[in-house]
N, C-alpha and C. Protein backbone atom coordinates (compact mmCIF):
# COMPACT_ATOMS: atom_id res chain seq x y z
N UNK A 1 141.67 93.41 125.57
CA UNK A 1 140.24 94.10 125.18
C UNK A 1 140.57 94.59 123.91
N UNK A 2 140.70 95.81 124.88
CA UNK A 2 140.57 97.03 123.59
C UNK A 2 141.16 96.32 121.86
N UNK A 3 142.63 95.34 121.99
CA UNK A 3 142.85 95.05 121.29
C UNK A 3 142.21 94.48 120.06
N UNK A 4 141.23 93.45 121.04
CA UNK A 4 140.46 92.44 120.28
C UNK A 4 139.59 93.50 119.20
N UNK A 5 138.94 94.43 119.98
CA UNK A 5 137.72 95.21 119.27
C UNK A 5 138.48 96.06 117.76
N UNK A 6 140.02 96.01 117.70
CA UNK A 6 140.14 96.74 117.04
C UNK A 6 140.54 95.93 116.09
N UNK A 7 141.14 94.49 116.22
CA UNK A 7 141.12 93.81 115.00
C UNK A 7 139.58 93.39 114.19
N UNK A 8 139.07 93.49 115.23
CA UNK A 8 138.01 92.53 114.69
C UNK A 8 137.41 93.73 113.66
N UNK A 9 137.51 95.11 114.33
CA UNK A 9 136.84 95.97 113.34
C UNK A 9 137.37 96.70 112.61
N UNK A 10 138.70 96.30 112.06
CA UNK A 10 140.00 95.97 110.88
C UNK A 10 139.64 94.77 109.78
N UNK A 11 138.90 94.23 110.70
CA UNK A 11 138.99 92.81 109.44
C UNK A 11 137.01 93.21 109.16
N UNK A 12 136.12 93.54 109.50
CA UNK A 12 135.37 93.93 108.68
C UNK A 12 135.49 94.53 107.89
N UNK A 13 136.63 96.29 108.13
CA UNK A 13 136.66 96.96 107.50
C UNK A 13 137.32 96.46 105.63
N UNK A 14 137.59 95.57 106.15
CA UNK A 14 138.88 94.64 105.11
C UNK A 14 137.99 93.64 103.94
N UNK A 15 136.72 93.96 105.37
CA UNK A 15 135.16 91.56 104.45
C UNK A 15 135.11 93.23 103.51
N UNK A 16 134.50 94.76 103.75
CA UNK A 16 133.73 95.43 102.96
C UNK A 16 134.43 96.01 101.78
N UNK A 17 136.01 96.51 102.04
CA UNK A 17 136.70 96.91 100.93
C UNK A 17 137.08 95.75 99.74
N UNK A 18 136.77 94.20 99.99
CA UNK A 18 136.88 93.07 99.41
C UNK A 18 135.87 93.31 98.49
N UNK A 19 135.31 93.52 98.66
CA UNK A 19 133.65 93.38 98.24
C UNK A 19 133.36 94.45 96.81
N UNK A 20 134.24 95.27 97.08
CA UNK A 20 134.27 95.65 95.67
C UNK A 20 134.45 95.91 94.29
N UNK A 21 134.02 96.09 93.14
CA UNK A 21 134.72 95.17 91.74
C UNK A 21 134.93 95.90 91.03
N UNK A 22 136.50 96.16 90.74
CA UNK A 22 136.56 97.81 90.04
C UNK A 22 136.45 96.10 88.46
N UNK A 23 135.88 96.88 87.49
CA UNK A 23 135.29 97.09 85.89
C UNK A 23 136.32 97.35 85.22
N UNK A 24 137.26 97.55 83.97
CA UNK A 24 137.30 97.85 83.02
C UNK A 24 137.19 97.49 81.68
N UNK A 25 136.67 98.72 81.00
CA UNK A 25 136.01 98.22 79.45
C UNK A 25 136.33 98.88 78.45
N UNK A 26 136.50 97.90 76.94
CA UNK A 26 137.19 98.32 75.99
C UNK A 26 136.75 99.47 75.59
N UNK A 27 135.59 99.95 76.01
CA UNK A 27 134.58 101.19 75.14
C UNK A 27 133.77 101.76 75.96
N UNK A 28 133.01 102.88 76.05
CA UNK A 28 132.05 103.30 77.13
C UNK A 28 130.63 102.53 76.94
N UNK A 29 130.51 101.94 75.20
CA UNK A 29 129.13 101.27 75.08
C UNK A 29 128.96 99.76 76.06
N UNK A 30 129.88 99.22 76.08
CA UNK A 30 130.54 97.92 76.96
C UNK A 30 129.87 98.65 77.76
N UNK A 31 130.52 98.94 78.97
CA UNK A 31 129.87 99.70 80.09
C UNK A 31 128.65 99.75 80.19
N UNK A 32 128.13 101.26 79.64
CA UNK A 32 127.03 101.00 79.49
C UNK A 32 126.28 99.81 79.56
N UNK A 33 126.85 98.54 78.83
CA UNK A 33 125.63 97.57 78.14
C UNK A 33 125.64 96.49 79.77
N UNK A 34 126.50 97.13 80.41
CA UNK A 34 126.80 96.18 81.50
C UNK A 34 126.07 96.67 82.54
N UNK A 35 126.29 98.24 82.73
CA UNK A 35 125.71 98.76 83.53
C UNK A 35 123.77 98.54 83.98
N UNK A 36 123.27 98.25 82.60
CA UNK A 36 122.24 98.73 82.19
C UNK A 36 121.62 96.99 82.37
N UNK A 37 122.52 96.20 81.99
CA UNK A 37 122.21 94.66 82.38
C UNK A 37 122.57 94.37 83.66
N UNK A 38 123.06 94.63 84.48
CA UNK A 38 123.33 94.60 86.11
C UNK A 38 121.97 95.08 86.78
N UNK A 39 121.99 96.52 85.90
CA UNK A 39 120.08 96.72 87.26
C UNK A 39 118.98 95.96 86.35
N UNK A 40 119.14 95.80 85.36
CA UNK A 40 117.95 95.13 84.56
C UNK A 40 117.61 93.54 84.85
N UNK A 41 119.00 92.72 85.93
CA UNK A 41 118.28 91.41 86.25
C UNK A 41 118.42 91.09 87.99
N UNK A 42 117.45 90.38 87.97
CA UNK A 42 116.89 90.14 89.43
C UNK A 42 118.56 89.22 90.10
N UNK A 43 118.26 89.41 91.39
CA UNK A 43 119.31 88.35 92.06
C UNK A 43 118.07 87.40 92.63
N UNK A 44 118.70 86.18 91.90
CA UNK A 44 117.76 85.06 92.42
C UNK A 44 118.07 85.16 93.91
N UNK A 45 118.61 85.12 94.80
CA UNK A 45 118.90 84.76 95.97
C UNK A 45 118.06 85.79 96.96
N UNK A 46 117.91 87.27 96.86
CA UNK A 46 117.62 88.02 97.36
C UNK A 46 116.32 88.58 96.67
N UNK A 47 116.01 87.76 95.40
CA UNK A 47 114.46 88.20 94.68
C UNK A 47 114.37 89.73 94.84
N UNK A 48 114.26 90.81 95.87
CA UNK A 48 113.42 92.59 95.84
C UNK A 48 115.61 93.13 95.42
N UNK A 49 116.10 92.64 94.58
CA UNK A 49 117.26 93.75 94.22
C UNK A 49 117.06 93.01 93.56
N UNK A 50 117.93 94.05 92.46
CA UNK A 50 118.69 93.89 91.10
C UNK A 50 120.05 92.96 91.33
N UNK A 51 120.63 92.29 91.02
CA UNK A 51 122.53 92.00 90.75
C UNK A 51 123.10 93.34 90.70
N UNK A 52 122.88 94.73 90.78
CA UNK A 52 124.17 95.92 90.99
C UNK A 52 123.98 96.00 92.42
N UNK A 53 122.81 95.98 93.23
CA UNK A 53 122.84 96.13 94.43
C UNK A 53 122.52 94.84 95.62
N UNK A 54 123.08 93.61 94.96
CA UNK A 54 123.26 92.36 95.92
C UNK A 54 124.42 92.30 96.22
N UNK A 55 124.71 91.77 97.49
CA UNK A 55 126.52 91.34 97.78
C UNK A 55 125.90 89.93 98.06
N UNK A 56 125.16 89.21 97.43
CA UNK A 56 124.78 87.51 97.94
C UNK A 56 125.84 86.84 96.66
N UNK A 57 126.18 85.90 97.12
CA UNK A 57 127.90 84.92 96.11
C UNK A 57 127.28 85.31 94.83
N UNK A 58 125.54 84.86 94.00
CA UNK A 58 125.20 84.80 93.21
C UNK A 58 125.25 85.66 92.51
N UNK A 59 125.18 86.81 92.70
CA UNK A 59 124.77 88.26 91.73
C UNK A 59 126.69 89.14 91.68
N UNK A 60 127.61 88.50 92.62
CA UNK A 60 128.78 88.80 92.06
C UNK A 60 129.15 87.55 91.03
N UNK A 61 128.71 86.20 90.85
CA UNK A 61 129.46 85.91 89.34
C UNK A 61 128.49 85.66 88.62
N UNK A 62 127.04 86.34 88.62
CA UNK A 62 126.45 87.02 87.68
C UNK A 62 126.63 88.76 86.71
N UNK A 63 127.70 88.95 87.87
CA UNK A 63 127.91 90.12 87.54
C UNK A 63 129.71 89.76 86.86
N UNK A 64 130.15 88.82 87.29
CA UNK A 64 131.32 88.20 86.71
C UNK A 64 131.11 87.62 85.22
N UNK A 65 129.98 86.49 85.55
CA UNK A 65 129.86 85.99 83.54
C UNK A 65 129.96 87.38 82.84
N UNK A 66 128.21 87.74 83.33
CA UNK A 66 128.00 89.32 82.36
C UNK A 66 129.18 90.17 81.75
N UNK A 67 130.37 90.47 83.13
CA UNK A 67 131.66 91.41 82.58
C UNK A 67 132.41 90.22 81.34
N UNK A 68 131.96 88.94 81.67
CA UNK A 68 133.06 87.72 80.98
C UNK A 68 132.60 87.87 79.74
N UNK A 69 131.11 87.54 79.42
CA UNK A 69 130.48 87.75 78.07
C UNK A 69 130.63 89.13 77.38
N UNK A 70 130.50 89.94 77.76
CA UNK A 70 130.85 91.69 76.99
C UNK A 70 132.19 91.29 76.49
N UNK A 71 133.30 91.05 77.74
CA UNK A 71 134.15 90.80 76.56
C UNK A 71 134.56 90.10 75.58
N UNK A 72 133.60 89.11 75.22
CA UNK A 72 133.62 87.88 74.29
C UNK A 72 133.19 88.50 73.09
N UNK A 73 132.34 90.11 73.12
CA UNK A 73 131.75 90.04 72.44
C UNK A 73 130.38 90.35 71.98
N UNK A 74 129.68 89.62 73.64
CA UNK A 74 128.54 89.23 73.79
C UNK A 74 127.27 90.54 72.77
N UNK A 75 126.03 90.95 72.82
CA UNK A 75 125.62 91.33 72.74
C UNK A 75 124.46 91.79 73.53
N UNK A 76 123.38 92.86 73.98
CA UNK A 76 122.93 92.92 75.31
C UNK A 76 121.99 91.21 75.31
N UNK A 77 120.97 91.62 73.98
CA UNK A 77 120.18 90.76 73.76
C UNK A 77 120.92 88.63 74.17
N UNK A 78 121.87 89.20 73.63
CA UNK A 78 122.45 87.73 73.38
C UNK A 78 122.73 87.22 74.96
N UNK A 79 123.13 88.28 75.56
CA UNK A 79 123.52 88.22 77.37
C UNK A 79 122.34 87.50 78.02
N UNK A 80 121.44 88.43 77.89
CA UNK A 80 119.47 88.34 78.21
C UNK A 80 118.90 86.76 78.10
N UNK A 81 118.96 86.62 76.63
CA UNK A 81 118.63 85.18 76.30
C UNK A 81 119.02 84.05 76.87
N UNK A 82 120.96 83.80 76.89
CA UNK A 82 121.44 83.15 78.39
C UNK A 82 121.14 83.34 79.67
N UNK A 83 120.95 84.18 80.16
CA UNK A 83 120.16 84.49 81.68
C UNK A 83 119.25 83.87 81.55
N UNK A 84 117.71 84.36 80.62
CA UNK A 84 116.74 83.71 80.83
C UNK A 84 116.57 82.12 80.49
N UNK A 85 117.46 81.72 79.20
CA UNK A 85 117.88 80.24 80.09
C UNK A 85 117.66 79.47 80.26
N UNK A 86 118.95 80.24 81.10
CA UNK A 86 119.53 79.33 82.51
C UNK A 86 119.08 79.41 83.41
N UNK A 87 118.06 80.82 84.14
CA UNK A 87 117.83 80.78 84.96
C UNK A 87 116.48 81.21 85.27
N UNK A 88 115.38 81.18 83.77
CA UNK A 88 114.23 81.26 83.92
C UNK A 88 113.78 82.58 83.80
N UNK A 89 112.41 82.95 83.11
CA UNK A 89 111.96 84.61 82.88
C UNK A 89 112.05 85.34 84.46
N UNK A 90 112.21 84.78 85.05
CA UNK A 90 111.98 85.62 86.51
C UNK A 90 113.54 86.35 86.54
N UNK A 91 114.05 85.98 86.12
CA UNK A 91 115.38 86.82 86.75
C UNK A 91 115.74 87.98 85.61
N UNK A 92 114.76 88.23 85.11
CA UNK A 92 113.89 89.27 84.28
C UNK A 92 113.20 90.35 85.79
N UNK A 93 113.26 91.79 85.96
CA UNK A 93 112.92 92.45 86.15
C UNK A 93 111.52 92.81 85.73
N UNK A 94 111.87 93.40 84.13
CA UNK A 94 110.64 93.22 83.19
C UNK A 94 110.03 92.47 82.48
N UNK A 95 109.51 90.91 82.99
CA UNK A 95 109.52 90.38 81.79
C UNK A 95 108.64 90.50 80.45
N UNK A 96 109.61 89.68 79.24
CA UNK A 96 108.92 90.21 78.23
C UNK A 96 107.93 89.87 77.92
N UNK A 97 107.06 90.28 76.75
CA UNK A 97 106.07 90.10 76.16
C UNK A 97 105.59 88.82 75.59
N UNK A 98 104.92 87.63 76.32
CA UNK A 98 104.34 86.14 75.38
C UNK A 98 103.39 85.60 76.30
N UNK A 99 103.48 84.56 75.51
CA UNK A 99 102.35 84.44 75.69
C UNK A 99 102.21 83.52 77.53
N UNK A 100 103.28 83.63 77.84
CA UNK A 100 103.45 83.19 79.34
C UNK A 100 103.38 84.01 80.41
N UNK A 101 103.46 85.16 79.87
CA UNK A 101 103.64 86.96 80.68
C UNK A 101 102.10 87.70 80.40
N UNK A 102 101.51 86.53 79.99
CA UNK A 102 99.71 87.47 78.92
C UNK A 102 99.27 88.01 80.37
N UNK A 103 99.41 87.31 81.34
CA UNK A 103 98.26 87.30 82.14
C UNK A 103 98.96 88.88 83.38
N UNK A 104 100.88 88.25 83.43
CA UNK A 104 100.74 89.70 83.92
C UNK A 104 100.62 91.36 83.42
N UNK A 105 100.85 91.05 81.86
CA UNK A 105 101.30 91.96 81.59
C UNK A 105 99.57 93.43 81.47
N UNK A 106 99.16 92.08 80.76
CA UNK A 106 97.43 92.11 80.44
C UNK A 106 96.38 92.68 81.99
N UNK A 107 96.80 91.97 83.42
CA UNK A 107 95.81 91.86 84.46
C UNK A 107 95.95 92.56 84.80
N UNK A 108 96.18 93.95 85.05
CA UNK A 108 95.97 94.89 86.02
C UNK A 108 95.03 95.76 85.33
N UNK A 109 95.42 96.04 83.95
CA UNK A 109 94.47 96.45 83.20
C UNK A 109 92.72 95.80 83.03
N UNK A 110 92.91 94.53 82.73
CA UNK A 110 91.55 94.04 83.34
C UNK A 110 90.60 94.54 84.19
N UNK A 111 91.66 94.02 85.44
CA UNK A 111 91.32 94.60 86.85
C UNK A 111 90.61 95.30 87.00
N UNK A 112 91.49 96.60 86.32
CA UNK A 112 90.91 97.78 86.51
C UNK A 112 89.75 98.54 85.57
N UNK A 113 90.01 97.96 84.18
CA UNK A 113 88.30 97.75 83.41
C UNK A 113 87.26 97.37 84.65
N UNK A 114 87.42 96.39 84.93
CA UNK A 114 86.37 95.67 85.43
C UNK A 114 86.14 95.77 86.89
N UNK A 115 86.84 96.24 87.36
CA UNK A 115 86.44 98.24 88.59
C UNK A 115 85.36 99.04 88.10
N UNK A 116 86.17 99.58 86.96
CA UNK A 116 86.00 100.71 87.07
C UNK A 116 83.86 100.12 85.72
N UNK A 117 83.84 99.43 86.01
CA UNK A 117 82.52 98.82 85.06
C UNK A 117 81.54 98.60 86.38
N UNK A 118 81.92 98.35 87.28
CA UNK A 118 81.39 98.12 88.40
C UNK A 118 80.79 98.45 88.99
N UNK A 119 81.69 99.90 89.57
CA UNK A 119 81.41 100.53 90.19
C UNK A 119 80.50 102.10 89.26
N UNK A 120 80.81 101.59 87.80
CA UNK A 120 79.73 102.58 86.88
C UNK A 120 78.63 102.20 86.93
N UNK A 121 78.18 100.66 87.16
CA UNK A 121 76.93 100.30 86.94
C UNK A 121 76.57 100.30 88.89
N UNK A 122 76.91 100.59 89.87
CA UNK A 122 76.53 99.92 91.00
C UNK A 122 75.66 101.70 91.28
N UNK A 123 76.96 103.25 90.49
CA UNK A 123 75.92 104.30 90.82
C UNK A 123 75.22 104.91 89.82
N UNK A 124 75.17 103.97 89.09
CA UNK A 124 73.94 104.01 87.86
C UNK A 124 72.64 103.73 88.39
N UNK A 125 73.19 102.41 88.98
CA UNK A 125 71.53 101.38 89.43
C UNK A 125 71.16 102.77 90.60
N UNK A 126 71.96 102.81 91.72
CA UNK A 126 71.75 103.42 92.99
C UNK A 126 70.88 104.95 92.54
N UNK A 127 71.61 105.82 90.91
CA UNK A 127 71.30 106.90 90.90
C UNK A 127 69.03 107.12 89.94
N UNK A 128 69.38 105.66 90.25
CA UNK A 128 67.59 105.03 89.39
C UNK A 128 67.37 105.22 90.68
N UNK A 129 67.21 103.94 91.27
CA UNK A 129 66.87 104.08 92.34
C UNK A 129 66.17 105.19 93.22
N UNK A 130 67.00 105.82 93.52
CA UNK A 130 66.55 107.22 94.28
C UNK A 130 65.90 108.38 93.73
N UNK A 131 66.07 108.69 92.09
CA UNK A 131 65.28 109.14 91.31
C UNK A 131 63.88 109.05 90.80
N UNK A 132 63.73 107.13 91.01
CA UNK A 132 62.57 107.22 90.79
C UNK A 132 61.01 107.37 91.49
N UNK A 133 60.29 108.24 90.46
CA UNK A 133 59.19 108.77 91.06
C UNK A 133 57.84 107.77 92.00
N UNK A 134 57.05 107.82 93.47
CA UNK A 134 56.31 107.34 94.01
C UNK A 134 55.45 107.04 92.81
N UNK A 135 55.00 105.55 92.95
CA UNK A 135 53.96 104.85 92.91
C UNK A 135 52.26 105.94 92.75
N UNK A 136 51.06 105.23 92.55
CA UNK A 136 50.00 105.76 93.01
C UNK A 136 49.40 105.30 94.30
N UNK A 137 49.61 104.07 94.70
CA UNK A 137 49.60 103.53 95.52
C UNK A 137 50.20 104.32 96.64
N UNK A 138 51.38 104.63 96.15
CA UNK A 138 51.82 105.07 97.30
C UNK A 138 51.88 106.29 98.32
N UNK A 139 51.40 107.13 96.78
CA UNK A 139 50.93 108.60 96.91
C UNK A 139 49.49 108.18 97.43
N UNK A 140 48.86 107.36 97.37
CA UNK A 140 47.32 107.35 98.42
C UNK A 140 47.48 106.96 100.01
N UNK A 141 48.71 106.44 100.10
CA UNK A 141 48.52 106.25 101.37
C UNK A 141 49.63 107.48 102.12
N UNK A 142 49.97 108.15 101.34
CA UNK A 142 50.55 109.41 101.98
C UNK A 142 49.83 110.45 102.69
N UNK A 143 48.38 110.94 101.04
CA UNK A 143 47.82 111.50 101.28
C UNK A 143 46.77 110.96 102.31
N UNK A 144 45.98 109.63 103.04
CA UNK A 144 45.64 109.39 104.38
C UNK A 144 46.29 109.37 105.30
N UNK A 145 47.80 109.54 105.57
CA UNK A 145 48.50 109.96 106.19
C UNK A 145 48.41 111.25 106.69
N UNK A 146 48.24 112.07 105.99
CA UNK A 146 48.35 113.79 106.00
C UNK A 146 46.76 113.70 106.53
N UNK A 147 45.83 113.50 106.13
CA UNK A 147 44.45 113.60 106.28
C UNK A 147 44.22 113.06 107.58
N UNK A 148 44.96 111.92 107.89
CA UNK A 148 44.28 111.44 109.76
C UNK A 148 44.60 112.79 110.57
N UNK A 149 45.68 113.54 110.29
CA UNK A 149 46.36 113.63 111.23
C UNK A 149 45.53 115.47 111.08
């Protein structure tokens, strides 16, 4: 039984070692481009991780593809264009500013300004109501109540 456990532990450790990817680059600029790209692109399987942090097969394939494209001399913008053309704008953690992403980029600012305007209007109108002076009829009623006592 203990031999079986030892074998399982060894198999699991080999699986984690095989997940390590060693990449060699021609220049430090290529390596920096690779690191930047794998951190900017979203894993389409995990969706909340970039492909640098993901162990999904698709992320491994995308890292391999990016490495290959850098080896072919493609620029960062060419690689990003390829990924967007192939997987859509969702693959980018920071979508580009365009007509399709206008709401995404301007929506929070519009909501914040609208909320600030509504808050300003409600506090301003409540101040007007509380500062409002009593009219003559209300003063007469108050005098009558005081005179009755």
